[in-house]
PDB file of N, CA and C in Angstrom:
ATOM      1  N   UNK A   1      26.184  68.032   4.877  1.00  0.00           N
ATOM      2  CA  UNK A   1      26.267  66.607   5.140  1.00  0.00           C
ATOM      3  C   UNK A   1      25.177  66.203   6.131  1.00  0.00           C
ATOM      4  N   UNK A   2      24.582  65.060   5.881  1.00  0.00           N
ATOM      5  CA  UNK A   2      23.523  64.577   6.772  1.00  0.00           C
ATOM      6  C   UNK A   2      24.118  64.078   8.088  1.00  0.00           C
ATOM      7  N   UNK A   3      23.378  64.286   9.159  1.00  0.00           N
ATOM      8  CA  UNK A   3      23.805  63.809  10.466  1.00  0.00           C
ATOM      9  C   UNK A   3      23.711  62.288  10.492  1.00  0.00           C
ATOM     10  N   UNK A   4      24.737  61.646  10.978  1.00  0.00           N
ATOM     11  CA  UNK A   4      24.775  60.190  11.041  1.00  0.00           C
ATOM     12  C   UNK A   4      24.252  59.700  12.378  1.00  0.00           C
ATOM     13  N   UNK A   5      23.590  58.551  12.342  1.00  0.00           N
ATOM     14  CA  UNK A   5      23.134  57.883  13.560  1.00  0.00           C
ATOM     15  C   UNK A   5      23.691  56.476  13.540  1.00  0.00           C
ATOM     16  N   UNK A   6      24.155  56.026  14.681  1.00  0.00           N
ATOM     17  CA  UNK A   6      24.700  54.686  14.795  1.00  0.00           C
ATOM     18  C   UNK A   6      23.559  53.691  14.958  1.00  0.00           C
ATOM     19  N   UNK A   7      23.621  52.590  14.192  1.00  0.00           N
ATOM     20  CA  UNK A   7      22.613  51.541  14.250  1.00  0.00           C
ATOM     21  C   UNK A   7      23.330  50.213  14.440  1.00  0.00           C
ATOM     22  N   UNK A   8      22.824  49.409  15.341  1.00  0.00           N
ATOM     23  CA  UNK A   8      23.363  48.073  15.550  1.00  0.00           C
ATOM     24  C   UNK A   8      22.359  47.069  15.020  1.00  0.00           C
ATOM     25  N   UNK A   9      22.847  46.092  14.258  1.00  0.00           N
ATOM     26  CA  UNK A   9      21.953  45.093  13.660  1.00  0.00           C
ATOM     27  C   UNK A   9      22.507  43.700  13.912  1.00  0.00           C
ATOM     28  N   UNK A  10      21.605  42.758  14.084  1.00  0.00           N
ATOM     29  CA  UNK A  10      21.969  41.349  14.135  1.00  0.00           C
ATOM     30  C   UNK A  10      21.688  40.772  12.750  1.00  0.00           C
ATOM     31  N   UNK A  11      22.709  40.224  12.111  1.00  0.00           N
ATOM     32  CA  UNK A  11      22.570  39.717  10.758  1.00  0.00           C
ATOM     33  C   UNK A  11      22.898  38.237  10.698  1.00  0.00           C
ATOM     34  N   UNK A  12      22.181  37.547   9.822  1.00  0.00           N
ATOM     35  CA  UNK A  12      22.487  36.138   9.582  1.00  0.00           C
ATOM     36  C   UNK A  12      23.677  36.050   8.633  1.00  0.00           C
ATOM     37  N   UNK A  13      24.218  34.854   8.473  1.00  0.00           N
ATOM     38  CA  UNK A  13      25.306  34.669   7.523  1.00  0.00           C
ATOM     39  C   UNK A  13      24.836  35.004   6.108  1.00  0.00           C
ATOM     40  N   UNK A  14      23.591  34.673   5.795  1.00  0.00           N
ATOM     41  CA  UNK A  14      23.032  35.016   4.484  1.00  0.00           C
ATOM     42  C   UNK A  14      23.032  36.527   4.275  1.00  0.00           C
ATOM     43  N   UNK A  15      22.627  37.280   5.308  1.00  0.00           N
ATOM     44  CA  UNK A  15      22.634  38.745   5.224  1.00  0.00           C
ATOM     45  C   UNK A  15      24.054  39.267   4.967  1.00  0.00           C
ATOM     46  N   UNK A  16      25.016  38.709   5.668  1.00  0.00           N
ATOM     47  CA  UNK A  16      26.408  39.126   5.493  1.00  0.00           C
ATOM     48  C   UNK A  16      26.922  38.787   4.095  1.00  0.00           C
ATOM     49  N   UNK A  17      26.544  37.610   3.594  1.00  0.00           N
ATOM     50  CA  UNK A  17      26.932  37.222   2.239  1.00  0.00           C
ATOM     51  C   UNK A  17      26.322  38.172   1.211  1.00  0.00           C
ATOM     52  N   UNK A  18      25.038  38.532   1.415  1.00  0.00           N
ATOM     53  CA  UNK A  18      24.373  39.484   0.520  1.00  0.00           C
ATOM     54  C   UNK A  18      25.060  40.849   0.578  1.00  0.00           C
ATOM     55  N   UNK A  19      25.418  41.288   1.762  1.00  0.00           N
ATOM     56  CA  UNK A  19      26.089  42.582   1.918  1.00  0.00           C
ATOM     57  C   UNK A  19      27.446  42.571   1.218  1.00  0.00           C
ATOM     58  N   UNK A  20      28.162  41.487   1.317  1.00  0.00           N
ATOM     59  CA  UNK A  20      29.459  41.367   0.663  1.00  0.00           C
ATOM     60  C   UNK A  20      29.308  41.393  -0.857  1.00  0.00           C
ATOM     61  N   UNK A  21      28.330  40.645  -1.374  1.00  0.00           N
ATOM     62  CA  UNK A  21      28.092  40.619  -2.819  1.00  0.00           C
ATOM     63  C   UNK A  21      27.710  42.012  -3.326  1.00  0.00           C
ATOM     64  N   UNK A  22      26.825  42.706  -2.598  1.00  0.00           N
ATOM     65  CA  UNK A  22      26.416  44.047  -3.004  1.00  0.00           C
ATOM     66  C   UNK A  22      27.557  45.058  -2.883  1.00  0.00           C
ATOM     67  N   UNK A  23      28.398  44.892  -1.894  1.00  0.00           N
ATOM     68  CA  UNK A  23      29.549  45.778  -1.733  1.00  0.00           C
ATOM     69  C   UNK A  23      30.432  45.711  -2.974  1.00  0.00           C
ATOM     70  N   UNK A  24      30.619  44.506  -3.478  1.00  0.00           N
ATOM     71  CA  UNK A  24      31.425  44.333  -4.693  1.00  0.00           C
ATOM     72  C   UNK A  24      30.694  44.893  -5.916  1.00  0.00           C
ATOM     73  N   UNK A  25      29.416  44.548  -6.082  1.00  0.00           N
ATOM     74  CA  UNK A  25      28.658  44.991  -7.260  1.00  0.00           C
ATOM     75  C   UNK A  25      28.488  46.493  -7.314  1.00  0.00           C
ATOM     76  N   UNK A  26      28.274  47.122  -6.158  1.00  0.00           N
ATOM     77  CA  UNK A  26      28.054  48.561  -6.106  1.00  0.00           C
ATOM     78  C   UNK A  26      29.357  49.350  -5.952  1.00  0.00           C
ATOM     79  N   UNK A  27      30.469  48.631  -5.861  1.00  0.00           N
ATOM     80  CA  UNK A  27      31.783  49.252  -5.690  1.00  0.00           C
ATOM     81  C   UNK A  27      31.799  50.178  -4.480  1.00  0.00           C
ATOM     82  N   UNK A  28      31.169  49.708  -3.408  1.00  0.00           N
ATOM     83  CA  UNK A  28      31.108  50.491  -2.172  1.00  0.00           C
ATOM     84  C   UNK A  28      32.409  50.331  -1.390  1.00  0.00           C
ATOM     85  N   UNK A  29      32.740  51.368  -0.639  1.00  0.00           N
ATOM     86  CA  UNK A  29      33.948  51.307   0.183  1.00  0.00           C
ATOM     87  C   UNK A  29      33.707  50.580   1.496  1.00  0.00           C
ATOM     88  N   UNK A  30      32.458  50.656   1.997  1.00  0.00           N
ATOM     89  CA  UNK A  30      32.155  50.052   3.292  1.00  0.00           C
ATOM     90  C   UNK A  30      30.814  49.327   3.233  1.00  0.00           C
ATOM     91  N   UNK A  31      30.617  48.442   4.184  1.00  0.00           N
ATOM     92  CA  UNK A  31      29.328  47.756   4.278  1.00  0.00           C
ATOM     93  C   UNK A  31      28.228  48.765   4.641  1.00  0.00           C
ATOM     94  N   UNK A  32      28.576  49.771   5.444  1.00  0.00           N
ATOM     95  CA  UNK A  32      27.589  50.792   5.821  1.00  0.00           C
ATOM     96  C   UNK A  32      27.112  51.548   4.585  1.00  0.00           C
ATOM     97  N   UNK A  33      28.019  51.906   3.681  1.00  0.00           N
ATOM     98  CA  UNK A  33      27.595  52.602   2.468  1.00  0.00           C
ATOM     99  C   UNK A  33      26.798  51.676   1.559  1.00  0.00           C
ATOM    100  N   UNK A  34      27.108  50.386   1.600  1.00  0.00           N
ATOM    101  CA  UNK A  34      26.339  49.401   0.833  1.00  0.00           C
ATOM    102  C   UNK A  34      24.913  49.321   1.352  1.00  0.00           C
ATOM    103  N   UNK A  35      24.747  49.241   2.664  1.00  0.00           N
ATOM    104  CA  UNK A  35      23.409  49.176   3.260  1.00  0.00           C
ATOM    105  C   UNK A  35      22.638  50.453   2.940  1.00  0.00           C
ATOM    106  N   UNK A  36      23.294  51.598   3.016  1.00  0.00           N
ATOM    107  CA  UNK A  36      22.645  52.864   2.698  1.00  0.00           C
ATOM    108  C   UNK A  36      22.174  52.876   1.245  1.00  0.00           C
ATOM    109  N   UNK A  37      23.023  52.439   0.319  1.00  0.00           N
ATOM    110  CA  UNK A  37      22.653  52.393  -1.092  1.00  0.00           C
ATOM    111  C   UNK A  37      21.515  51.406  -1.327  1.00  0.00           C
ATOM    112  N   UNK A  38      21.578  50.241  -0.694  1.00  0.00           N
ATOM    113  CA  UNK A  38      20.526  49.229  -0.860  1.00  0.00           C
ATOM    114  C   UNK A  38      19.183  49.753  -0.357  1.00  0.00           C
ATOM    115  N   UNK A  39      19.192  50.477   0.749  1.00  0.00           N
ATOM    116  CA  UNK A  39      17.958  51.057   1.266  1.00  0.00           C
ATOM    117  C   UNK A  39      17.401  52.099   0.307  1.00  0.00           C
ATOM    118  N   UNK A  40      18.266  52.947  -0.252  1.00  0.00           N
ATOM    119  CA  UNK A  40      17.816  53.979  -1.188  1.00  0.00           C
ATOM    120  C   UNK A  40      17.248  53.350  -2.463  1.00  0.00           C
ATOM    121  N   UNK A  41      17.910  52.336  -2.980  1.00  0.00           N
ATOM    122  CA  UNK A  41      17.431  51.641  -4.180  1.00  0.00           C
ATOM    123  C   UNK A  41      16.081  50.986  -3.908  1.00  0.00           C
ATOM    124  N   UNK A  42      15.982  50.291  -2.797  1.00  0.00           N
ATOM    125  CA  UNK A  42      14.740  49.602  -2.444  1.00  0.00           C
ATOM    126  C   UNK A  42      13.601  50.589  -2.227  1.00  0.00           C
ATOM    127  N   UNK A  43      13.881  51.704  -1.566  1.00  0.00           N
ATOM    128  CA  UNK A  43      12.835  52.705  -1.332  1.00  0.00           C
ATOM    129  C   UNK A  43      12.326  53.262  -2.658  1.00  0.00           C
ATOM    130  N   UNK A  44      13.225  53.573  -3.565  1.00  0.00           N
ATOM    131  CA  UNK A  44      12.825  54.115  -4.856  1.00  0.00           C
ATOM    132  C   UNK A  44      11.987  53.147  -5.667  1.00  0.00           C
ATOM    133  N   UNK A  45      12.403  51.906  -5.695  1.00  0.00           N
ATOM    134  CA  UNK A  45      11.652  50.883  -6.445  1.00  0.00           C
ATOM    135  C   UNK A  45      10.285  50.659  -5.822  1.00  0.00           C
ATOM    136  N   UNK A  46      10.240  50.449  -4.510  1.00  0.00           N
ATOM    137  CA  UNK A  46       8.955  50.148  -3.868  1.00  0.00           C
ATOM    138  C   UNK A  46       7.992  51.329  -3.937  1.00  0.00           C
ATOM    139  N   UNK A  47       8.509  52.562  -3.845  1.00  0.00           N
ATOM    140  CA  UNK A  47       7.639  53.740  -3.963  1.00  0.00           C
ATOM    141  C   UNK A  47       6.970  53.759  -5.333  1.00  0.00           C
ATOM    142  N   UNK A  48       7.715  53.492  -6.371  1.00  0.00           N
ATOM    143  CA  UNK A  48       7.156  53.501  -7.719  1.00  0.00           C
ATOM    144  C   UNK A  48       6.130  52.390  -7.911  1.00  0.00           C
ATOM    145  N   UNK A  49       6.417  51.203  -7.384  1.00  0.00           N
ATOM    146  CA  UNK A  49       5.483  50.084  -7.512  1.00  0.00           C
ATOM    147  C   UNK A  49       4.187  50.383  -6.759  1.00  0.00           C
ATOM    148  N   UNK A  50       4.293  50.909  -5.547  1.00  0.00           N
ATOM    149  CA  UNK A  50       3.108  51.256  -4.768  1.00  0.00           C
ATOM    150  C   UNK A  50       2.294  52.331  -5.488  1.00  0.00           C
ATOM    151  N   UNK A  51       2.966  53.230  -6.202  1.00  0.00           N
ATOM    152  CA  UNK A  51       2.279  54.292  -6.953  1.00  0.00           C
ATOM    153  C   UNK A  51       1.680  53.788  -8.268  1.00  0.00           C
ATOM    154  N   UNK A  52       1.820  52.491  -8.561  1.00  0.00           N
ATOM    155  CA  UNK A  52       1.163  51.925  -9.728  1.00  0.00           C
ATOM    156  C   UNK A  52       2.066  51.495 -10.869  1.00  0.00           C
ATOM    157  N   UNK A  53       3.359  51.711 -10.761  1.00  0.00           N
ATOM    158  CA  UNK A  53       4.276  51.264 -11.805  1.00  0.00           C
ATOM    159  C   UNK A  53       4.545  49.771 -11.669  1.00  0.00           C
ATOM    160  N   UNK A  54       4.993  49.164 -12.768  1.00  0.00           N
ATOM    161  CA  UNK A  54       5.394  47.763 -12.743  1.00  0.00           C
ATOM    162  C   UNK A  54       6.904  47.683 -12.805  1.00  0.00           C
ATOM    163  N   UNK A  55       7.458  46.742 -12.097  1.00  0.00           N
ATOM    164  CA  UNK A  55       8.893  46.497 -12.134  1.00  0.00           C
ATOM    165  C   UNK A  55       9.141  45.359 -13.114  1.00  0.00           C
ATOM    166  N   UNK A  56       9.901  45.659 -14.162  1.00  0.00           N
ATOM    167  CA  UNK A  56      10.156  44.669 -15.201  1.00  0.00           C
ATOM    168  C   UNK A  56      11.662  44.462 -15.343  1.00  0.00           C
ATOM    169  N   UNK A  57      12.033  43.229 -15.679  1.00  0.00           N
ATOM    170  CA  UNK A  57      13.425  42.914 -15.984  1.00  0.00           C
ATOM    171  C   UNK A  57      13.462  42.383 -17.412  1.00  0.00           C
ATOM    172  N   UNK A  58      14.370  42.950 -18.196  1.00  0.00           N
ATOM    173  CA  UNK A  58      14.563  42.437 -19.552  1.00  0.00           C
ATOM    174  C   UNK A  58      15.635  41.360 -19.487  1.00  0.00           C
ATOM    175  N   UNK A  59      15.262  40.148 -19.894  1.00  0.00           N
ATOM    176  CA  UNK A  59      16.182  39.023 -19.860  1.00  0.00           C
ATOM    177  C   UNK A  59      17.144  39.087 -21.046  1.00  0.00           C
ATOM    178  N   UNK A  60      18.168  38.274 -21.011  1.00  0.00           N
ATOM    179  CA  UNK A  60      19.174  38.262 -22.075  1.00  0.00           C
ATOM    180  C   UNK A  60      18.566  38.012 -23.443  1.00  0.00           C
ATOM    181  N   UNK A  61      17.480  37.232 -23.496  1.00  0.00           N
ATOM    182  CA  UNK A  61      16.855  36.930 -24.783  1.00  0.00           C
ATOM    183  C   UNK A  61      15.926  38.049 -25.263  1.00  0.00           C
ATOM    184  N   UNK A  62      15.816  39.135 -24.488  1.00  0.00           N
ATOM    185  CA  UNK A  62      14.996  40.268 -24.865  1.00  0.00           C
ATOM    186  C   UNK A  62      13.587  40.246 -24.302  1.00  0.00           C
ATOM    187  N   UNK A  63      13.170  39.125 -23.746  1.00  0.00           N
ATOM    188  CA  UNK A  63      11.826  39.045 -23.179  1.00  0.00           C
ATOM    189  C   UNK A  63      11.770  39.783 -21.847  1.00  0.00           C
ATOM    190  N   UNK A  64      10.557  40.216 -21.487  1.00  0.00           N
ATOM    191  CA  UNK A  64      10.355  40.934 -20.239  1.00  0.00           C
ATOM    192  C   UNK A  64       9.726  40.025 -19.202  1.00  0.00           C
ATOM    193  N   UNK A  65      10.136  40.209 -17.968  1.00  0.00           N
ATOM    194  CA  UNK A  65       9.594  39.457 -16.848  1.00  0.00           C
ATOM    195  C   UNK A  65       9.159  40.451 -15.782  1.00  0.00           C
ATOM    196  N   UNK A  66       7.920  40.314 -15.303  1.00  0.00           N
ATOM    197  CA  UNK A  66       7.425  41.172 -14.229  1.00  0.00           C
ATOM    198  C   UNK A  66       7.968  40.661 -12.894  1.00  0.00           C
ATOM    199  N   UNK A  67       8.467  41.583 -12.083  1.00  0.00           N
ATOM    200  CA  UNK A  67       8.984  41.237 -10.763  1.00  0.00           C
ATOM    201  C   UNK A  67       7.921  41.588  -9.730  1.00  0.00           C
ATOM    202  N   UNK A  68       7.577  40.629  -8.880  1.00  0.00           N
ATOM    203  CA  UNK A  68       6.625  40.851  -7.797  1.00  0.00           C
ATOM    204  C   UNK A  68       7.405  40.848  -6.501  1.00  0.00           C
ATOM    205  N   UNK A  69       7.215  41.875  -5.682  1.00  0.00           N
ATOM    206  CA  UNK A  69       7.890  41.962  -4.401  1.00  0.00           C
ATOM    207  C   UNK A  69       6.926  41.479  -3.322  1.00  0.00           C
ATOM    208  N   UNK A  70       7.228  40.322  -2.759  1.00  0.00           N
ATOM    209  CA  UNK A  70       6.371  39.717  -1.741  1.00  0.00           C
ATOM    210  C   UNK A  70       6.218  40.667  -0.565  1.00  0.00           C
ATOM    211  N   UNK A  71       4.985  40.805  -0.086  1.00  0.00           N
ATOM    212  CA  UNK A  71       4.710  41.618   1.086  1.00  0.00           C
ATOM    213  C   UNK A  71       4.471  43.077   0.787  1.00  0.00           C
ATOM    214  N   UNK A  72       4.678  43.507  -0.457  1.00  0.00           N
ATOM    215  CA  UNK A  72       4.488  44.906  -0.808  1.00  0.00           C
ATOM    216  C   UNK A  72       3.026  45.139  -1.155  1.00  0.00           C
ATOM    217  N   UNK A  73       2.387  46.058  -0.429  1.00  0.00           N
ATOM    218  CA  UNK A  73       0.973  46.357  -0.649  1.00  0.00           C
ATOM    219  C   UNK A  73       0.843  47.283  -1.838  1.00  0.00           C
ATOM    220  N   UNK A  74       0.302  46.757  -2.949  1.00  0.00           N
ATOM    221  CA  UNK A  74       0.152  47.551  -4.159  1.00  0.00           C
ATOM    222  C   UNK A  74      -1.311  47.857  -4.447  1.00  0.00           C
ATOM    223  N   UNK A  75      -2.191  47.496  -3.522  1.00  0.00           N
ATOM    224  CA  UNK A  75      -3.626  47.732  -3.732  1.00  0.00           C
ATOM    225  C   UNK A  75      -4.016  49.140  -3.399  1.00  0.00           C
TER     226      UNK A  75
END
């Protein structure tokens, strides 16, 4: 098991709302596990994009949309 470190964060109401929504979508037991999962997902996606992959979303109609992550250096 990985050693845990305590982290204190100041969050806006929007951040808390996002954490609650993700907790439900990811079926997480705690907000801490939700934040951990969100960080792992984000790290994996951003690593691939920085390495030259494109992030695409297939819409309900079958068309593809490229997702651009603002602030991510892909050059």
